[in-house]
Amino acid sequence: MAVVVGPPWRRVGLAQYDLAERLHAASGNVSITREEVSRWERGKRIPGPYWRAWLGRVLDTPQQELEQAAAIARRTRKRR
């Protein structure tokens, strides 16, 4: 997700912890942590469809933009 001019949450001024807290509050899912957000940011993991949907809601980001970022991240990871 970091491929598209930095992670979307950084563009709106959120720290990893803040994003994790917002995702937890919105989704009610306690499994999201700052560490998971860090993995997304470093390209170690790509958020799945479930978290991309919540990211879109929390960040007010079009779903298509998140899907494109995930596709780019997948292609980039395969080249490493």
Protein backbone atom coordinates (compact mmCIF):
# COMPACT_ATOMS: atom_id res chain seq x y z
CA MET A 1 0.00 0.00 0.00
CA ALA A 2 2.96 2.30 0.47
CA VAL A 3 3.55 2.32 -3.27
CA VAL A 4 1.04 5.08 -4.01
CA VAL A 5 2.80 8.27 -2.83
CA GLY A 6 3.02 7.02 0.71
CA PRO A 7 0.31 5.31 2.69
CA PRO A 8 -3.11 7.01 2.54
CA TRP A 9 -3.17 7.44 6.32
CA ARG A 10 0.05 9.45 6.24
CA ARG A 11 -1.46 11.77 3.65
CA VAL A 12 -4.21 12.68 6.14
CA GLY A 13 -1.76 13.03 9.03
CA LEU A 14 -2.48 9.83 10.97
CA ALA A 15 0.17 7.89 12.83
CA GLN A 16 0.08 4.09 12.73
CA TYR A 17 -1.38 3.93 16.24
CA ASP A 18 -4.11 6.46 15.37
CA LEU A 19 -5.13 4.51 12.29
CA ALA A 20 -5.24 1.25 14.23
CA GLU A 21 -7.44 2.90 16.88
CA ARG A 22 -9.82 4.30 14.26
CA LEU A 23 -10.05 0.97 12.46
CA HIS A 24 -10.74 -0.79 15.76
CA ALA A 25 -13.45 1.72 16.71
CA ALA A 26 -15.14 1.61 13.30
CA SER A 27 -14.97 -2.14 12.71
CA GLY A 28 -15.21 -3.43 16.27
CA ASN A 29 -12.40 -5.83 15.36
CA VAL A 30 -9.77 -6.03 18.10
CA SER A 31 -7.22 -7.82 15.92
CA ILE A 32 -5.94 -4.62 14.29
CA THR A 33 -2.78 -3.24 15.89
CA ARG A 34 -0.20 -0.58 15.20
CA GLU A 35 2.15 -3.41 14.29
CA GLU A 36 -0.19 -4.63 11.55
CA VAL A 37 -0.49 -1.10 10.16
CA SER A 38 3.32 -0.93 10.22
CA ARG A 39 3.50 -4.15 8.18
CA TRP A 40 1.17 -2.61 5.60
CA GLU A 41 3.24 0.55 5.49
CA ARG A 42 6.54 -1.32 5.05
CA GLY A 43 5.07 -3.57 2.36
CA LYS A 44 5.45 -6.72 4.45
CA ARG A 45 1.73 -7.37 4.13
CA ILE A 46 -1.06 -6.04 1.96
CA PRO A 47 -4.41 -5.33 3.60
CA GLY A 48 -7.01 -7.86 2.49
CA PRO A 49 -10.45 -6.95 1.16
CA TYR A 50 -11.91 -6.76 4.69
CA TRP A 51 -9.40 -4.17 5.89
CA ARG A 52 -9.36 -2.30 2.57
CA ALA A 53 -13.11 -1.76 2.96
CA TRP A 54 -12.61 -0.37 6.48
CA LEU A 55 -9.64 1.71 5.36
CA GLY A 56 -11.84 3.29 2.71
CA ARG A 57 -14.46 4.20 5.27
CA VAL A 58 -12.07 5.46 7.93
CA LEU A 59 -9.90 7.45 5.51
CA ASP A 60 -12.75 8.56 3.25
CA THR A 61 -10.81 7.11 0.34
CA PRO A 62 -12.46 5.62 -2.75
CA GLN A 63 -12.39 1.84 -2.71
CA GLN A 64 -11.04 1.79 -6.26
CA GLU A 65 -7.95 3.74 -5.14
CA LEU A 66 -7.25 1.19 -2.41
CA GLU A 67 -7.80 -1.73 -4.79
CA GLN A 68 -5.37 -0.20 -7.28
CA ALA A 69 -2.78 0.40 -4.56
CA ALA A 70 -3.11 -3.23 -3.42
CA ALA A 71 -2.71 -4.49 -7.00
CA ILE A 72 0.42 -2.37 -7.48
CA ALA A 73 1.82 -3.58 -4.16
CA ARG A 74 1.22 -7.22 -5.14
CA ARG A 75 3.02 -6.76 -8.47
CA THR A 76 5.90 -4.94 -6.79
CA ARG A 77 6.32 -7.64 -4.15
CA LYS A 78 6.56 -10.35 -6.82
CA ARG A 79 9.53 -8.59 -8.45
CA ARG A 80 11.65 -8.50 -5.30
